[in-house]
Protein backbone atom coordinates (compact mmCIF):
# COMPACT_ATOMS: atom_id res chain seq x y z
CA MET A 1 94.17 -85.15 -219.00
CA HIS A 2 96.24 -88.20 -219.92
CA PHE A 3 97.56 -86.42 -223.02
CA ALA A 4 98.35 -83.32 -220.95
CA GLY A 5 100.32 -85.51 -218.53
CA VAL A 6 102.32 -87.10 -221.35
CA VAL A 7 103.10 -83.70 -222.86
CA LYS A 8 104.24 -82.35 -219.49
CA THR A 9 106.46 -85.39 -218.88
CA GLN A 10 107.90 -85.59 -222.39
CA LEU A 11 108.06 -81.93 -223.43
CA GLY A 12 107.99 -80.07 -220.12
CA LYS A 13 105.00 -77.99 -221.20
CA ASP A 14 101.89 -77.78 -219.04
CA ILE A 15 98.77 -77.52 -221.20
CA ALA A 16 96.29 -78.92 -218.70
CA GLU A 17 94.91 -75.52 -217.69
CA VAL A 18 95.14 -73.66 -221.01
CA PRO A 19 91.60 -72.46 -221.87
CA GLY A 20 90.40 -74.07 -225.10
CA ALA A 21 93.26 -76.57 -225.35
CA GLY A 22 90.92 -79.50 -224.76
CA ALA A 23 88.30 -78.38 -227.27
CA ALA A 24 87.62 -80.62 -230.27
CA GLY A 25 89.20 -83.59 -228.55
CA GLY A 26 92.42 -81.79 -227.71
CA LEU A 27 93.04 -80.46 -231.20
CA GLY A 28 94.03 -77.06 -229.80
CA ALA A 29 96.57 -78.61 -227.45
CA GLY A 30 98.04 -80.70 -230.26
CA CYS A 31 98.43 -77.64 -232.47
CA MET A 32 100.09 -75.74 -229.63
CA MET A 33 102.55 -78.52 -228.86
CA PHE A 34 103.46 -79.86 -232.27
CA LEU A 35 102.80 -77.00 -234.69
CA ASP A 36 103.71 -74.05 -232.46
CA GLY A 37 100.13 -72.83 -232.84
CA ARG A 38 98.28 -70.37 -230.66
CA LEU A 39 94.69 -70.47 -229.52
CA VAL A 40 92.33 -67.65 -230.43
CA PRO A 41 88.54 -67.57 -230.18
CA GLY A 42 87.09 -68.86 -233.45
CA ILE A 43 84.57 -66.05 -233.79
CA GLN A 44 87.35 -63.49 -233.40
CA LEU A 45 89.33 -65.11 -236.20
CA VAL A 46 86.33 -65.31 -238.53
CA MET A 47 85.33 -61.71 -237.89
CA GLU A 48 88.86 -60.44 -238.53
CA HIS A 49 89.23 -62.30 -241.81
CA SER A 50 85.73 -61.71 -243.17
CA GLY A 51 85.39 -57.95 -242.82
CA PHE A 52 82.56 -58.49 -240.36
CA GLU A 53 83.15 -55.28 -238.41
CA ALA A 54 82.95 -53.12 -241.55
CA ALA A 55 79.72 -54.87 -242.58
CA VAL A 56 78.16 -54.37 -239.14
CA SER A 57 79.10 -50.70 -239.10
CA LYS A 58 77.05 -50.16 -242.29
CA CYS A 59 73.99 -52.32 -241.61
CA ASP A 60 70.66 -51.58 -239.95
CA LEU A 61 70.06 -54.98 -238.31
CA VAL A 62 72.26 -57.96 -237.46
CA ILE A 63 70.77 -61.46 -237.64
CA THR A 64 72.66 -64.29 -235.98
CA GLY A 65 71.95 -67.65 -234.44
CA GLU A 66 73.02 -71.11 -233.45
CA GLY A 67 71.50 -74.50 -232.88
CA LYS A 68 70.96 -74.10 -229.16
CA ILE A 69 71.17 -71.07 -226.93
CA ASP A 70 72.35 -72.17 -223.50
CA GLU A 71 74.67 -71.16 -220.67
CA GLN A 72 77.71 -71.31 -222.98
CA THR A 73 76.28 -69.05 -225.69
CA PHE A 74 77.30 -65.78 -224.08
CA ARG A 75 80.76 -66.98 -223.06
CA GLY A 76 82.66 -66.43 -226.28
CA LYS A 77 80.62 -68.37 -228.82
CA VAL A 78 79.45 -67.01 -232.17
CA VAL A 79 76.28 -65.31 -230.94
CA ASP A 80 78.23 -63.63 -228.15
CA GLY A 81 80.89 -62.30 -230.53
CA VAL A 82 78.32 -61.10 -233.04
CA CYS A 83 76.25 -59.36 -230.35
CA ARG A 84 79.31 -57.65 -228.87
CA MET A 85 80.37 -56.33 -232.28
CA ALA A 86 76.84 -55.14 -233.03
CA SER A 87 76.70 -53.45 -229.63
CA LYS A 88 79.89 -51.55 -230.46
CA TYR A 89 77.98 -49.87 -233.32
CA ASN A 90 74.60 -49.71 -231.53
CA LYS A 91 73.02 -52.12 -234.02
CA PRO A 92 70.00 -54.19 -233.00
CA VAL A 93 70.40 -57.97 -233.12
CA LEU A 94 67.90 -60.68 -233.93
CA VAL A 95 68.92 -64.08 -232.55
CA VAL A 96 67.29 -67.14 -234.13
CA CYS A 97 68.08 -70.61 -232.79
CA GLY A 98 66.93 -74.17 -232.92
CA ARG A 99 66.23 -74.33 -229.20
CA ASN A 100 66.49 -71.76 -226.44
CA SER A 101 67.26 -73.25 -223.04
CA PHE A 102 68.67 -70.06 -221.56
CA LYS A 103 66.42 -68.39 -219.01
CA GLU A 104 67.78 -64.83 -218.99
CA ILE A 105 69.30 -63.31 -222.10
CA PRO A 106 71.99 -60.87 -220.97
CA SER A 107 71.11 -57.20 -221.31
CA GLY A 108 73.41 -54.66 -222.89
CA LEU A 109 74.09 -56.70 -226.03
CA GLY A 110 71.48 -54.97 -228.18
CA ILE A 111 69.33 -58.07 -228.63
CA LEU A 112 66.05 -56.95 -230.13
CA ALA A 113 64.44 -60.38 -230.12
CA THR A 114 65.27 -64.04 -229.62
CA ARG A 115 63.20 -66.72 -231.30
CA SER A 116 63.55 -70.48 -231.46
CA LEU A 117 62.40 -72.96 -234.06
CA THR A 118 61.13 -75.32 -231.37
CA GLY A 119 59.05 -72.46 -229.97
CA TYR A 120 57.69 -71.68 -233.42
CA PHE A 121 56.83 -75.28 -234.34
CA GLY A 122 56.13 -76.67 -230.89
CA SER A 123 58.38 -79.71 -231.26
CA GLU A 124 62.03 -80.43 -231.94
CA LYS A 125 61.14 -82.94 -234.67
CA GLU A 126 59.08 -80.37 -236.59
CA ALA A 127 61.75 -77.73 -236.07
CA MET A 128 64.42 -79.98 -237.54
CA THR A 129 62.22 -81.17 -240.39
CA HIS A 130 61.13 -77.69 -241.44
CA ALA A 131 64.07 -75.56 -240.29
CA TYR A 132 64.40 -73.48 -243.46
CA HIS A 133 60.70 -72.62 -243.53
CA GLY A 134 60.77 -71.76 -239.84
CA LEU A 135 63.79 -69.46 -240.16
CA VAL A 136 62.16 -67.60 -243.03
CA GLN A 137 58.83 -67.24 -241.20
CA ILE A 138 60.35 -66.19 -237.88
CA THR A 139 62.49 -63.57 -239.58
CA LYS A 140 59.54 -62.24 -241.60
CA GLU A 141 57.36 -62.02 -238.49
CA ILE A 142 59.92 -60.05 -236.54
CA LEU A 143 60.83 -57.76 -239.41
CA THR A 144 57.18 -56.93 -240.10
CA SER A 145 56.24 -56.47 -236.46
CA ARG A 146 56.46 -53.19 -234.63
CA GLN A 147 59.54 -54.42 -232.75
CA ILE A 148 61.85 -52.95 -235.38
CA THR A 149 62.12 -49.16 -235.26
């Protein structure tokens, strides 16, 4: 907020209420003010430059994840963007995470299953220690279950 006040005083630009400007310690605001940058959601940028939409349109299943699923996950973060793109093509999504602290996964995003490493191992320490093994096992279990049609 201090930086936003200095920018407004010195440059006459109000960045205090720009969504995302304060992320990463104000990096977005700095880029806007001093480099004439613009803010775009990171997942949108990655999907555009990676050919993600074309890949999703041709696949049978989308697997995505993040460290922790929480109240921010479905507000523009990676899992949200991936699920929305998969939904556009009616592709099922498997979400694997380190920890799931979200009570209700939103419907309408095509999420077939959500699994967490802490749920699989029973403790955060085990999940972090054996993350690779857990991801492989969770994915195998879901893919070999009758959940996939």
